[in-house]
Amino acid sequence: MVLILPCLCKVLTPNIVERAFKTISTKDLTQWIAANASDTLLAKRRKVQSADLFSAIIGNFGEKLREAS
Protein backbone atom coordinates (compact mmCIF):
# COMPACT_ATOMS: atom_id res chain seq x y z
CA MET A 1 0.00 0.00 0.00
CA VAL A 2 2.94 2.31 0.61
CA LEU A 3 3.85 2.09 -3.04
CA ILE A 4 0.52 3.59 -4.15
CA LEU A 5 0.70 6.71 -1.95
CA PRO A 6 2.32 8.83 -4.67
CA CYS A 7 -0.60 7.95 -6.93
CA LEU A 8 -2.89 9.86 -4.58
CA CYS A 9 -0.77 13.01 -4.73
CA LYS A 10 -0.36 13.50 -8.45
CA VAL A 11 -2.45 13.25 -11.58
CA LEU A 12 -1.31 10.17 -13.44
CA THR A 13 -0.99 10.27 -17.17
CA PRO A 14 -0.22 7.36 -19.46
CA ASN A 15 3.27 8.83 -20.04
CA ILE A 16 4.05 8.87 -16.31
CA VAL A 17 2.89 5.28 -15.90
CA GLU A 18 4.86 4.15 -18.95
CA ARG A 19 8.02 5.89 -17.69
CA ALA A 20 7.61 4.30 -14.25
CA PHE A 21 7.29 0.82 -15.75
CA LYS A 22 10.35 1.38 -17.93
CA THR A 23 12.60 2.75 -15.18
CA ILE A 24 11.83 0.36 -12.31
CA SER A 25 12.79 -3.28 -12.69
CA THR A 26 11.15 -6.20 -10.95
CA LYS A 27 14.48 -6.96 -9.31
CA ASP A 28 14.66 -3.45 -7.83
CA LEU A 29 11.10 -3.67 -6.58
CA THR A 30 11.68 -7.10 -5.02
CA GLN A 31 14.79 -5.83 -3.25
CA TRP A 32 12.94 -2.76 -1.95
CA ILE A 33 10.08 -4.87 -0.63
CA ALA A 34 12.50 -7.25 1.10
CA ALA A 35 14.31 -4.34 2.76
CA ASN A 36 11.32 -2.17 3.67
CA ALA A 37 8.18 -4.25 3.99
CA SER A 38 7.40 -7.08 6.33
CA ASP A 39 5.50 -10.24 5.52
CA THR A 40 1.77 -10.00 5.07
CA LEU A 41 -0.48 -11.53 7.68
CA LEU A 42 -1.26 -14.38 5.27
CA ALA A 43 2.46 -15.08 4.71
CA LYS A 44 3.02 -15.15 8.48
CA ARG A 45 0.12 -17.59 8.93
CA ARG A 46 1.46 -19.87 6.20
CA LYS A 47 4.90 -19.97 7.84
CA VAL A 48 3.41 -20.94 11.19
CA GLN A 49 1.11 -23.53 9.67
CA SER A 50 3.87 -25.13 7.60
CA ALA A 51 6.17 -25.22 10.66
CA ASP A 52 3.40 -26.85 12.72
CA LEU A 53 2.72 -29.37 9.96
CA PHE A 54 6.43 -30.17 9.64
CA SER A 55 6.71 -30.65 13.42
CA ALA A 56 3.68 -32.94 13.45
CA ILE A 57 5.05 -35.06 10.60
CA ILE A 58 8.48 -35.36 12.22
CA GLY A 59 6.88 -36.11 15.59
CA ASN A 60 4.75 -38.92 14.13
CA PHE A 61 7.73 -40.29 12.23
CA GLY A 62 9.81 -40.31 15.41
CA GLU A 63 7.09 -42.18 17.28
CA LYS A 64 6.86 -44.79 14.52
CA LEU A 65 10.64 -45.28 14.61
CA ARG A 66 10.59 -45.74 18.37
CA GLU A 67 7.74 -48.24 18.11
CA ALA A 68 9.53 -50.19 15.39
CA SER A 69 12.76 -50.55 17.37
PDB file of N, CA and C in Angstrom:
ATOM      1  N   MET A   1       0.819  -1.193   0.000  1.00  0.00           N
ATOM      2  CA  MET A   1       0.000   0.000   0.000  1.00  0.00           C
ATOM      3  C   MET A   1       0.867   1.262   0.000  1.00  0.00           C
ATOM      4  N   VAL A   2       2.046   1.164   0.581  1.00  0.00           N
ATOM      5  CA  VAL A   2       2.941   2.310   0.608  1.00  0.00           C
ATOM      6  C   VAL A   2       3.301   2.737  -0.803  1.00  0.00           C
ATOM      7  N   LEU A   3       3.425   1.783  -1.677  1.00  0.00           N
ATOM      8  CA  LEU A   3       3.849   2.094  -3.035  1.00  0.00           C
ATOM      9  C   LEU A   3       2.802   2.876  -3.831  1.00  0.00           C
ATOM     10  N   ILE A   4       1.545   2.853  -3.397  1.00  0.00           N
ATOM     11  CA  ILE A   4       0.524   3.588  -4.150  1.00  0.00           C
ATOM     12  C   ILE A   4       0.289   4.994  -3.616  1.00  0.00           C
ATOM     13  N   LEU A   5       0.900   5.368  -2.496  1.00  0.00           N
ATOM     14  CA  LEU A   5       0.698   6.710  -1.948  1.00  0.00           C
ATOM     15  C   LEU A   5       0.999   7.827  -2.939  1.00  0.00           C
ATOM     16  N   PRO A   6       2.082   7.759  -3.693  1.00  0.00           N
ATOM     17  CA  PRO A   6       2.322   8.831  -4.669  1.00  0.00           C
ATOM     18  C   PRO A   6       1.200   8.962  -5.698  1.00  0.00           C
ATOM     19  N   CYS A   7       0.499   7.895  -5.954  1.00  0.00           N
ATOM     20  CA  CYS A   7      -0.596   7.945  -6.926  1.00  0.00           C
ATOM     21  C   CYS A   7      -1.729   8.853  -6.446  1.00  0.00           C
ATOM     22  N   LEU A   8      -1.838   9.021  -5.128  1.00  0.00           N
ATOM     23  CA  LEU A   8      -2.893   9.858  -4.575  1.00  0.00           C
ATOM     24  C   LEU A   8      -2.525  11.337  -4.587  1.00  0.00           C
ATOM     25  N   CYS A   9      -1.257  11.636  -4.819  1.00  0.00           N
ATOM     26  CA  CYS A   9      -0.765  13.013  -4.725  1.00  0.00           C
ATOM     27  C   CYS A   9      -0.537  13.682  -6.076  1.00  0.00           C
ATOM     28  N   LYS A  10      -0.677  12.953  -7.141  1.00  0.00           N
ATOM     29  CA  LYS A  10      -0.356  13.504  -8.447  1.00  0.00           C
ATOM     30  C   LYS A  10      -1.312  12.926  -9.487  1.00  0.00           C
ATOM     31  N   VAL A  11      -1.616  13.732 -10.475  1.00  0.00           N
ATOM     32  CA  VAL A  11      -2.446  13.254 -11.583  1.00  0.00           C
ATOM     33  C   VAL A  11      -1.582  12.335 -12.442  1.00  0.00           C
ATOM     34  N   LEU A  12      -2.065  11.140 -12.641  1.00  0.00           N
ATOM     35  CA  LEU A  12      -1.307  10.166 -13.436  1.00  0.00           C
ATOM     36  C   LEU A  12      -1.724  10.235 -14.895  1.00  0.00           C
ATOM     37  N   THR A  13      -0.748  10.295 -15.734  1.00  0.00           N
ATOM     38  CA  THR A  13      -0.991  10.270 -17.174  1.00  0.00           C
ATOM     39  C   THR A  13      -0.394   8.973 -17.717  1.00  0.00           C
ATOM     40  N   PRO A  14      -0.811   8.566 -18.873  1.00  0.00           N
ATOM     41  CA  PRO A  14      -0.219   7.357 -19.460  1.00  0.00           C
ATOM     42  C   PRO A  14       1.300   7.463 -19.608  1.00  0.00           C
ATOM     43  N   ASN A  15       1.818   8.660 -19.898  1.00  0.00           N
ATOM     44  CA  ASN A  15       3.273   8.832 -20.041  1.00  0.00           C
ATOM     45  C   ASN A  15       3.999   8.586 -18.726  1.00  0.00           C
ATOM     46  N   ILE A  16       3.437   9.076 -17.624  1.00  0.00           N
ATOM     47  CA  ILE A  16       4.051   8.868 -16.312  1.00  0.00           C
ATOM     48  C   ILE A  16       4.072   7.387 -15.962  1.00  0.00           C
ATOM     49  N   VAL A  17       2.974   6.703 -16.200  1.00  0.00           N
ATOM     50  CA  VAL A  17       2.886   5.278 -15.901  1.00  0.00           C
ATOM     51  C   VAL A  17       3.870   4.496 -16.762  1.00  0.00           C
ATOM     52  N   GLU A  18       3.930   4.827 -18.048  1.00  0.00           N
ATOM     53  CA  GLU A  18       4.862   4.145 -18.945  1.00  0.00           C
ATOM     54  C   GLU A  18       6.314   4.365 -18.503  1.00  0.00           C
ATOM     55  N   ARG A  19       6.654   5.589 -18.134  1.00  0.00           N
ATOM     56  CA  ARG A  19       8.015   5.890 -17.692  1.00  0.00           C
ATOM     57  C   ARG A  19       8.348   5.128 -16.404  1.00  0.00           C
ATOM     58  N   ALA A  20       7.388   5.033 -15.500  1.00  0.00           N
ATOM     59  CA  ALA A  20       7.611   4.300 -14.251  1.00  0.00           C
ATOM     60  C   ALA A  20       7.880   2.824 -14.535  1.00  0.00           C
ATOM     61  N   PHE A  21       7.094   2.230 -15.409  1.00  0.00           N
ATOM     62  CA  PHE A  21       7.294   0.819 -15.752  1.00  0.00           C
ATOM     63  C   PHE A  21       8.640   0.581 -16.441  1.00  0.00           C
ATOM     64  N   LYS A  22       9.089   1.545 -17.218  1.00  0.00           N
ATOM     65  CA  LYS A  22      10.352   1.380 -17.931  1.00  0.00           C
ATOM     66  C   LYS A  22      11.572   1.610 -17.044  1.00  0.00           C
ATOM     67  N   THR A  23      11.423   2.404 -15.991  1.00  0.00           N
ATOM     68  CA  THR A  23      12.596   2.748 -15.182  1.00  0.00           C
ATOM     69  C   THR A  23      12.770   1.872 -13.939  1.00  0.00           C
ATOM     70  N   ILE A  24      11.738   1.197 -13.503  1.00  0.00           N
ATOM     71  CA  ILE A  24      11.825   0.357 -12.308  1.00  0.00           C
ATOM     72  C   ILE A  24      11.760  -1.104 -12.726  1.00  0.00           C
ATOM     73  N   SER A  25      12.780  -1.855 -12.332  1.00  0.00           N
ATOM     74  CA  SER A  25      12.791  -3.276 -12.685  1.00  0.00           C
ATOM     75  C   SER A  25      12.130  -4.103 -11.582  1.00  0.00           C
ATOM     76  N   THR A  26      11.722  -5.286 -11.929  1.00  0.00           N
ATOM     77  CA  THR A  26      11.148  -6.200 -10.948  1.00  0.00           C
ATOM     78  C   THR A  26      12.165  -6.535  -9.873  1.00  0.00           C
ATOM     79  N   LYS A  27      13.420  -6.666 -10.268  1.00  0.00           N
ATOM     80  CA  LYS A  27      14.476  -6.962  -9.307  1.00  0.00           C
ATOM     81  C   LYS A  27      14.598  -5.839  -8.281  1.00  0.00           C
ATOM     82  N   ASP A  28      14.588  -4.594  -8.740  1.00  0.00           N
ATOM     83  CA  ASP A  28      14.665  -3.449  -7.833  1.00  0.00           C
ATOM     84  C   ASP A  28      13.477  -3.427  -6.874  1.00  0.00           C
ATOM     85  N   LEU A  29      12.305  -3.666  -7.401  1.00  0.00           N
ATOM     86  CA  LEU A  29      11.099  -3.670  -6.580  1.00  0.00           C
ATOM     87  C   LEU A  29      11.142  -4.788  -5.546  1.00  0.00           C
ATOM     88  N   THR A  30      11.573  -5.966  -5.947  1.00  0.00           N
ATOM     89  CA  THR A  30      11.678  -7.096  -5.021  1.00  0.00           C
ATOM     90  C   THR A  30      12.672  -6.793  -3.909  1.00  0.00           C
ATOM     91  N   GLN A  31      13.796  -6.193  -4.259  1.00  0.00           N
ATOM     92  CA  GLN A  31      14.790  -5.828  -3.250  1.00  0.00           C
ATOM     93  C   GLN A  31      14.243  -4.774  -2.288  1.00  0.00           C
ATOM     94  N   TRP A  32      13.513  -3.799  -2.811  1.00  0.00           N
ATOM     95  CA  TRP A  32      12.942  -2.761  -1.952  1.00  0.00           C
ATOM     96  C   TRP A  32      11.933  -3.360  -0.985  1.00  0.00           C
ATOM     97  N   ILE A  33      11.093  -4.241  -1.489  1.00  0.00           N
ATOM     98  CA  ILE A  33      10.085  -4.875  -0.632  1.00  0.00           C
ATOM     99  C   ILE A  33      10.752  -5.692   0.463  1.00  0.00           C
ATOM    100  N   ALA A  34      11.790  -6.444   0.113  1.00  0.00           N
ATOM    101  CA  ALA A  34      12.500  -7.254   1.103  1.00  0.00           C
ATOM    102  C   ALA A  34      13.142  -6.383   2.181  1.00  0.00           C
ATOM    103  N   ALA A  35      13.629  -5.214   1.806  1.00  0.00           N
ATOM    104  CA  ALA A  35      14.308  -4.340   2.760  1.00  0.00           C
ATOM    105  C   ALA A  35      13.347  -3.487   3.579  1.00  0.00           C
ATOM    106  N   ASN A  36      12.184  -3.164   3.031  1.00  0.00           N
ATOM    107  CA  ASN A  36      11.320  -2.165   3.666  1.00  0.00           C
ATOM    108  C   ASN A  36       9.942  -2.647   4.104  1.00  0.00           C
ATOM    109  N   ALA A  37       9.522  -3.778   3.649  1.00  0.00           N
ATOM    110  CA  ALA A  37       8.179  -4.248   3.987  1.00  0.00           C
ATOM    111  C   ALA A  37       8.269  -5.593   4.691  1.00  0.00           C
ATOM    112  N   SER A  38       7.406  -5.788   5.642  1.00  0.00           N
ATOM    113  CA  SER A  38       7.397  -7.077   6.328  1.00  0.00           C
ATOM    114  C   SER A  38       6.429  -8.024   5.625  1.00  0.00           C
ATOM    115  N   ASP A  39       6.416  -9.256   6.087  1.00  0.00           N
ATOM    116  CA  ASP A  39       5.501 -10.238   5.516  1.00  0.00           C
ATOM    117  C   ASP A  39       4.059  -9.827   5.764  1.00  0.00           C
ATOM    118  N   THR A  40       3.190 -10.226   4.864  1.00  0.00           N
ATOM    119  CA  THR A  40       1.771  -9.996   5.071  1.00  0.00           C
ATOM    120  C   THR A  40       1.271 -10.949   6.152  1.00  0.00           C
ATOM    121  N   LEU A  41       0.114 -10.672   6.666  1.00  0.00           N
ATOM    122  CA  LEU A  41      -0.476 -11.533   7.683  1.00  0.00           C
ATOM    123  C   LEU A  41      -0.662 -12.950   7.133  1.00  0.00           C
ATOM    124  N   LEU A  42      -1.078 -13.061   5.881  1.00  0.00           N
ATOM    125  CA  LEU A  42      -1.256 -14.377   5.265  1.00  0.00           C
ATOM    126  C   LEU A  42       0.068 -15.123   5.174  1.00  0.00           C
ATOM    127  N   ALA A  43       1.144 -14.434   4.797  1.00  0.00           N
ATOM    128  CA  ALA A  43       2.455 -15.081   4.715  1.00  0.00           C
ATOM    129  C   ALA A  43       2.904 -15.558   6.087  1.00  0.00           C
ATOM    130  N   LYS A  44       2.663 -14.752   7.114  1.00  0.00           N
ATOM    131  CA  LYS A  44       3.022 -15.154   8.477  1.00  0.00           C
ATOM    132  C   LYS A  44       2.237 -16.391   8.903  1.00  0.00           C
ATOM    133  N   ARG A  45       0.952 -16.422   8.590  1.00  0.00           N
ATOM    134  CA  ARG A  45       0.120 -17.594   8.931  1.00  0.00           C
ATOM    135  C   ARG A  45       0.631 -18.844   8.227  1.00  0.00           C
ATOM    136  N   ARG A  46       0.966 -18.704   6.953  1.00  0.00           N
ATOM    137  CA  ARG A  46       1.456 -19.868   6.200  1.00  0.00           C
ATOM    138  C   ARG A  46       2.753 -20.407   6.781  1.00  0.00           C
ATOM    139  N   LYS A  47       3.651 -19.524   7.231  1.00  0.00           N
ATOM    140  CA  LYS A  47       4.898 -19.970   7.840  1.00  0.00           C
ATOM    141  C   LYS A  47       4.628 -20.767   9.102  1.00  0.00           C
ATOM    142  N   VAL A  48       3.738 -20.251   9.932  1.00  0.00           N
ATOM    143  CA  VAL A  48       3.415 -20.939  11.189  1.00  0.00           C
ATOM    144  C   VAL A  48       2.751 -22.276  10.900  1.00  0.00           C
ATOM    145  N   GLN A  49       1.809 -22.300   9.985  1.00  0.00           N
ATOM    146  CA  GLN A  49       1.107 -23.534   9.666  1.00  0.00           C
ATOM    147  C   GLN A  49       2.047 -24.569   9.074  1.00  0.00           C
ATOM    148  N   SER A  50       2.951 -24.159   8.206  1.00  0.00           N
ATOM    149  CA  SER A  50       3.872 -25.126   7.604  1.00  0.00           C
ATOM    150  C   SER A  50       4.848 -25.639   8.655  1.00  0.00           C
ATOM    151  N   ALA A  51       5.273 -24.786   9.586  1.00  0.00           N
ATOM    152  CA  ALA A  51       6.166 -25.224  10.656  1.00  0.00           C
ATOM    153  C   ALA A  51       5.449 -26.216  11.570  1.00  0.00           C
ATOM    154  N   ASP A  52       4.180 -25.934  11.886  1.00  0.00           N
ATOM    155  CA  ASP A  52       3.400 -26.852  12.720  1.00  0.00           C
ATOM    156  C   ASP A  52       3.199 -28.184  12.019  1.00  0.00           C
ATOM    157  N   LEU A  53       2.916 -28.148  10.728  1.00  0.00           N
ATOM    158  CA  LEU A  53       2.721 -29.375   9.962  1.00  0.00           C
ATOM    159  C   LEU A  53       4.013 -30.172   9.918  1.00  0.00           C
ATOM    160  N   PHE A  54       5.138 -29.499   9.679  1.00  0.00           N
ATOM    161  CA  PHE A  54       6.433 -30.171   9.644  1.00  0.00           C
ATOM    162  C   PHE A  54       6.725 -30.821  10.996  1.00  0.00           C
ATOM    163  N   SER A  55       6.478 -30.101  12.077  1.00  0.00           N
ATOM    164  CA  SER A  55       6.712 -30.646  13.417  1.00  0.00           C
ATOM    165  C   SER A  55       5.836 -31.868  13.674  1.00  0.00           C
ATOM    166  N   ALA A  56       4.590 -31.815  13.248  1.00  0.00           N
ATOM    167  CA  ALA A  56       3.679 -32.938  13.445  1.00  0.00           C
ATOM    168  C   ALA A  56       4.146 -34.154  12.650  1.00  0.00           C
ATOM    169  N   ILE A  57       4.584 -33.942  11.431  1.00  0.00           N
ATOM    170  CA  ILE A  57       5.052 -35.061  10.602  1.00  0.00           C
ATOM    171  C   ILE A  57       6.294 -35.688  11.218  1.00  0.00           C
ATOM    172  N   ILE A  58       7.242 -34.856  11.616  1.00  0.00           N
ATOM    173  CA  ILE A  58       8.477 -35.358  12.224  1.00  0.00           C
ATOM    174  C   ILE A  58       8.171 -36.061  13.538  1.00  0.00           C
ATOM    175  N   GLY A  59       7.262 -35.481  14.320  1.00  0.00           N
ATOM    176  CA  GLY A  59       6.881 -36.110  15.592  1.00  0.00           C
ATOM    177  C   GLY A  59       6.281 -37.487  15.373  1.00  0.00           C
ATOM    178  N   ASN A  60       5.375 -37.614  14.426  1.00  0.00           N
ATOM    179  CA  ASN A  60       4.754 -38.916  14.129  1.00  0.00           C
ATOM    180  C   ASN A  60       5.778 -39.899  13.598  1.00  0.00           C
ATOM    181  N   PHE A  61       6.695 -39.423  12.774  1.00  0.00           N
ATOM    182  CA  PHE A  61       7.730 -40.289  12.226  1.00  0.00           C
ATOM    183  C   PHE A  61       8.632 -40.808  13.342  1.00  0.00           C
ATOM    184  N   GLY A  62       8.982 -39.911  14.279  1.00  0.00           N
ATOM    185  CA  GLY A  62       9.814 -40.315  15.410  1.00  0.00           C
ATOM    186  C   GLY A  62       9.138 -41.362  16.273  1.00  0.00           C
ATOM    187  N   GLU A  63       7.841 -41.198  16.495  1.00  0.00           N
ATOM    188  CA  GLU A  63       7.090 -42.183  17.283  1.00  0.00           C
ATOM    189  C   GLU A  63       7.086 -43.534  16.577  1.00  0.00           C
ATOM    190  N   LYS A  64       6.881 -43.536  15.288  1.00  0.00           N
ATOM    191  CA  LYS A  64       6.856 -44.791  14.524  1.00  0.00           C
ATOM    192  C   LYS A  64       8.219 -45.478  14.586  1.00  0.00           C
ATOM    193  N   LEU A  65       9.304 -44.696  14.513  1.00  0.00           N
ATOM    194  CA  LEU A  65      10.643 -45.283  14.605  1.00  0.00           C
ATOM    195  C   LEU A  65      10.882 -45.894  15.985  1.00  0.00           C
ATOM    196  N   ARG A  66      10.423 -45.208  17.034  1.00  0.00           N
ATOM    197  CA  ARG A  66      10.593 -45.739  18.373  1.00  0.00           C
ATOM    198  C   ARG A  66       9.795 -47.032  18.558  1.00  0.00           C
ATOM    199  N   GLU A  67       8.593 -47.053  18.014  1.00  0.00           N
ATOM    200  CA  GLU A  67       7.742 -48.238  18.112  1.00  0.00           C
ATOM    201  C   GLU A  67       8.369 -49.419  17.364  1.00  0.00           C
ATOM    202  N   ALA A  68       8.979 -49.133  16.227  1.00  0.00           N
ATOM    203  CA  ALA A  68       9.533 -50.192  15.388  1.00  0.00           C
ATOM    204  C   ALA A  68      10.813 -50.791  16.012  1.00  0.00           C
ATOM    205  N   SER A  69      11.511 -50.019  16.826  1.00  0.00           N
ATOM    206  CA  SER A  69      12.761 -50.552  17.368  1.00  0.00           C
ATOM    207  C   SER A  69      12.600 -51.253  18.677  1.00  0.00           C
TER     208      SER A  69
END
